[in-house]
Amino acid sequence: VNDTGSFYLLNAIILLMGFKGKICVIPSTNVSSIPLLCNILMGWGMDFAVLLFENDEEIKIAELLKNTVFKTDIIGRELIIRMPETFLNSEDLLSTLDFKNHILESREGITVPNSVYIREKELPRNFILSRFLSTVKEGKVKVTDFDDESLDNFKLITDLIKVLE
């Protein structure tokens, strides 16, 4: 995945949804280091895929990966998984209400995507998403605490992951 924050959030979603597959989420340092991480995994002979969100940087990386890393086709499996355009980054998988309740833990008025809000407010993204994963691991937040929009998005992620097994 694109970074450590997405690693934390996706692992929280996997735990919340009770996903039992044999999938490991591996964070890159940032978007630009994804090709290097792919080369390392390829060198180790690992089966892997790259999950990319719909932002300018990750659109460019997808093209770079197609042209440099993924020259061969693996039958029946996508190696570059692209999220729909409504998801600029992993925190956009949460509805605005769930983002406020479980990530920000406040009643802020948010009129932009969650990822834009974090960037504009210069919030410590890795810290707050790490804290969220901790609350999920501790059982303080359960899947029943989320609204339908978030749950639909969580299912989208777990369905994408199931295809990789």
Protein backbone atom coordinates (compact mmCIF):
# COMPACT_ATOMS: atom_id res chain seq x y z
CA VAL A 1 0.00 0.00 0.00
CA ASN A 2 0.99 3.64 -0.44
CA ASP A 3 2.12 4.40 3.12
CA THR A 4 2.06 3.53 6.81
CA GLY A 5 -1.26 5.29 7.47
CA SER A 6 -3.01 3.14 4.87
CA PHE A 7 -1.33 0.08 6.39
CA TYR A 8 -2.88 0.90 9.77
CA LEU A 9 -6.33 1.63 8.39
CA LEU A 10 -6.50 -1.40 6.08
CA ASN A 11 -5.39 -3.71 8.89
CA ALA A 12 -8.13 -2.23 11.09
CA ILE A 13 -10.70 -2.91 8.36
CA ILE A 14 -9.44 -6.48 7.93
CA LEU A 15 -9.81 -7.06 11.69
CA LEU A 16 -13.23 -5.40 11.86
CA MET A 17 -14.56 -7.48 8.98
CA GLY A 18 -13.18 -10.72 10.45
CA PHE A 19 -11.22 -11.47 7.28
CA LYS A 20 -9.34 -14.74 7.78
CA GLY A 21 -7.39 -14.98 4.52
CA LYS A 22 -3.64 -15.28 4.19
CA ILE A 23 -2.95 -11.70 3.16
CA CYS A 24 -0.28 -9.38 4.53
CA VAL A 25 -0.55 -5.65 4.02
CA ILE A 26 2.91 -4.18 3.48
CA PRO A 27 3.38 -0.41 3.63
CA SER A 28 5.76 1.49 1.39
CA THR A 29 7.46 4.54 2.84
CA ASN A 30 5.57 6.71 0.37
CA VAL A 31 4.11 6.46 -3.13
CA SER A 32 7.44 7.01 -4.87
CA SER A 33 8.99 4.00 -3.08
CA ILE A 34 6.33 1.54 -4.33
CA PRO A 35 8.40 0.44 -7.39
CA LEU A 36 11.39 -0.36 -5.15
CA LEU A 37 9.18 -2.35 -2.79
CA CYS A 38 7.75 -4.24 -5.79
CA ASN A 39 11.26 -5.08 -6.97
CA ILE A 40 12.21 -6.40 -3.53
CA LEU A 41 9.07 -8.56 -3.32
CA MET A 42 9.63 -9.81 -6.86
CA GLY A 43 13.22 -10.68 -5.99
CA TRP A 44 12.03 -12.68 -3.00
CA GLY A 45 9.67 -14.58 -5.28
CA MET A 46 6.58 -13.32 -3.45
CA ASP A 47 3.11 -13.15 -4.95
CA PHE A 48 1.91 -9.60 -4.48
CA ALA A 49 -0.37 -6.89 -5.76
CA VAL A 50 -0.32 -3.11 -5.34
CA LEU A 51 -3.38 -1.26 -4.05
CA LEU A 52 -3.51 2.28 -5.39
CA PHE A 53 -5.92 5.09 -4.68
CA GLU A 54 -7.23 7.66 -7.13
CA ASN A 55 -4.94 10.64 -6.68
CA ASP A 56 -2.43 12.24 -9.06
CA GLU A 57 0.66 10.62 -7.56
CA GLU A 58 -0.80 7.12 -7.55
CA ILE A 59 -2.18 7.44 -11.08
CA LYS A 60 1.39 8.21 -12.24
CA ILE A 61 2.82 5.30 -10.23
CA ALA A 62 0.26 2.92 -11.79
CA GLU A 63 1.52 3.88 -15.25
CA LEU A 64 5.14 3.54 -14.17
CA LEU A 65 4.47 0.09 -12.68
CA LYS A 66 2.70 -1.07 -15.84
CA ASN A 67 5.67 0.03 -17.94
CA THR A 68 8.54 -1.13 -15.73
CA VAL A 69 7.60 -3.73 -13.14
CA PHE A 70 4.62 -5.61 -14.52
CA LYS A 71 5.79 -6.59 -18.01
CA THR A 72 4.43 -10.13 -17.79
CA ASP A 73 0.80 -11.15 -17.34
CA ILE A 74 -0.28 -13.39 -14.52
CA ILE A 75 -3.40 -15.16 -15.68
CA GLY A 76 -6.58 -14.45 -13.74
CA ARG A 77 -5.14 -11.86 -11.38
CA GLU A 78 -4.64 -8.12 -11.42
CA LEU A 79 -1.35 -6.95 -9.96
CA ILE A 80 -2.34 -3.30 -9.80
CA ILE A 81 -5.61 -2.81 -7.93
CA ARG A 82 -7.09 0.63 -8.49
CA MET A 83 -9.66 2.05 -6.12
CA PRO A 84 -12.59 3.99 -7.61
CA GLU A 85 -12.13 7.74 -8.02
CA THR A 86 -14.10 8.61 -4.89
CA PHE A 87 -11.25 7.18 -2.78
CA LEU A 88 -8.32 9.60 -2.84
CA ASN A 89 -6.68 7.72 0.04
CA SER A 90 -7.51 5.02 2.57
CA GLU A 91 -9.25 7.29 5.09
CA ASP A 92 -11.87 8.04 2.44
CA LEU A 93 -13.14 4.48 2.94
CA LEU A 94 -14.85 5.79 6.08
CA SER A 95 -18.02 7.84 5.86
CA THR A 96 -17.56 11.41 7.08
CA LEU A 97 -19.58 10.59 10.20
CA ASP A 98 -17.50 7.52 11.04
CA PHE A 99 -14.31 9.44 10.28
CA LYS A 100 -15.33 12.12 12.78
CA ASN A 101 -16.45 9.61 15.41
CA HIS A 102 -13.66 7.03 15.20
CA ILE A 103 -10.63 8.83 13.77
CA LEU A 104 -10.96 12.47 14.81
CA GLU A 105 -13.09 11.68 17.87
CA SER A 106 -14.76 15.09 17.52
CA ARG A 107 -17.78 16.79 15.97
CA GLU A 108 -15.99 18.79 13.28
CA GLY A 109 -17.89 20.05 10.25
CA ILE A 110 -16.26 18.41 7.21
CA THR A 111 -17.19 19.38 3.67
CA VAL A 112 -14.22 17.80 1.83
CA PRO A 113 -13.02 14.19 1.52
CA ASN A 114 -11.47 12.85 4.73
CA SER A 115 -8.00 12.66 3.16
CA VAL A 116 -8.20 16.30 2.07
CA TYR A 117 -9.31 17.31 5.56
CA ILE A 118 -6.30 15.56 7.13
CA ARG A 119 -3.93 17.22 4.67
CA GLU A 120 -5.47 20.71 4.99
CA LYS A 121 -5.51 20.59 8.79
CA GLU A 122 -1.98 19.10 8.83
CA LEU A 123 -3.11 16.34 11.19
CA PRO A 124 -0.63 13.63 12.22
CA ARG A 125 -2.12 11.03 9.85
CA ASN A 126 0.02 8.03 10.81
CA PHE A 127 -0.56 8.70 14.50
CA ILE A 128 -4.35 9.00 14.31
CA LEU A 129 -4.69 5.96 12.04
CA SER A 130 -2.36 3.96 14.30
CA ARG A 131 -4.50 4.96 17.28
CA PHE A 132 -7.58 3.78 15.38
CA LEU A 133 -6.00 0.36 14.72
CA SER A 134 -5.16 0.11 18.43
CA THR A 135 -8.76 0.82 19.46
CA VAL A 136 -9.94 -1.86 17.02
CA LYS A 137 -7.41 -4.39 18.39
CA GLU A 138 -8.51 -3.58 21.94
CA GLY A 139 -12.14 -4.23 20.98
CA LYS A 140 -13.21 -0.67 21.81
CA VAL A 141 -14.54 -0.24 18.26
CA LYS A 142 -16.56 -2.99 16.59
CA VAL A 143 -17.92 -3.48 13.09
CA THR A 144 -21.42 -2.70 14.40
CA ASP A 145 -20.24 0.83 15.29
CA PHE A 146 -20.06 1.83 11.59
CA ASP A 147 -22.74 3.11 9.24
CA ASP A 148 -23.79 1.47 5.96
CA GLU A 149 -21.55 3.66 3.81
CA SER A 150 -18.41 2.63 5.70
CA LEU A 151 -19.49 -1.01 5.83
CA ASP A 152 -20.07 -1.07 2.06
CA ASN A 153 -16.57 0.34 1.56
CA PHE A 154 -15.08 -2.18 3.99
CA LYS A 155 -16.75 -4.96 2.01
CA LEU A 156 -15.33 -3.50 -1.20
CA ILE A 157 -11.82 -3.77 0.28
CA THR A 158 -12.26 -7.30 1.60
CA ASP A 159 -13.75 -8.41 -1.72
CA LEU A 160 -10.70 -6.99 -3.52
CA ILE A 161 -8.40 -8.82 -1.13
CA LYS A 162 -10.24 -12.14 -1.51
CA VAL A 163 -9.48 -12.11 -5.24
CA LEU A 164 -5.76 -12.14 -4.39
CA GLU A 165 -5.83 -15.41 -2.47
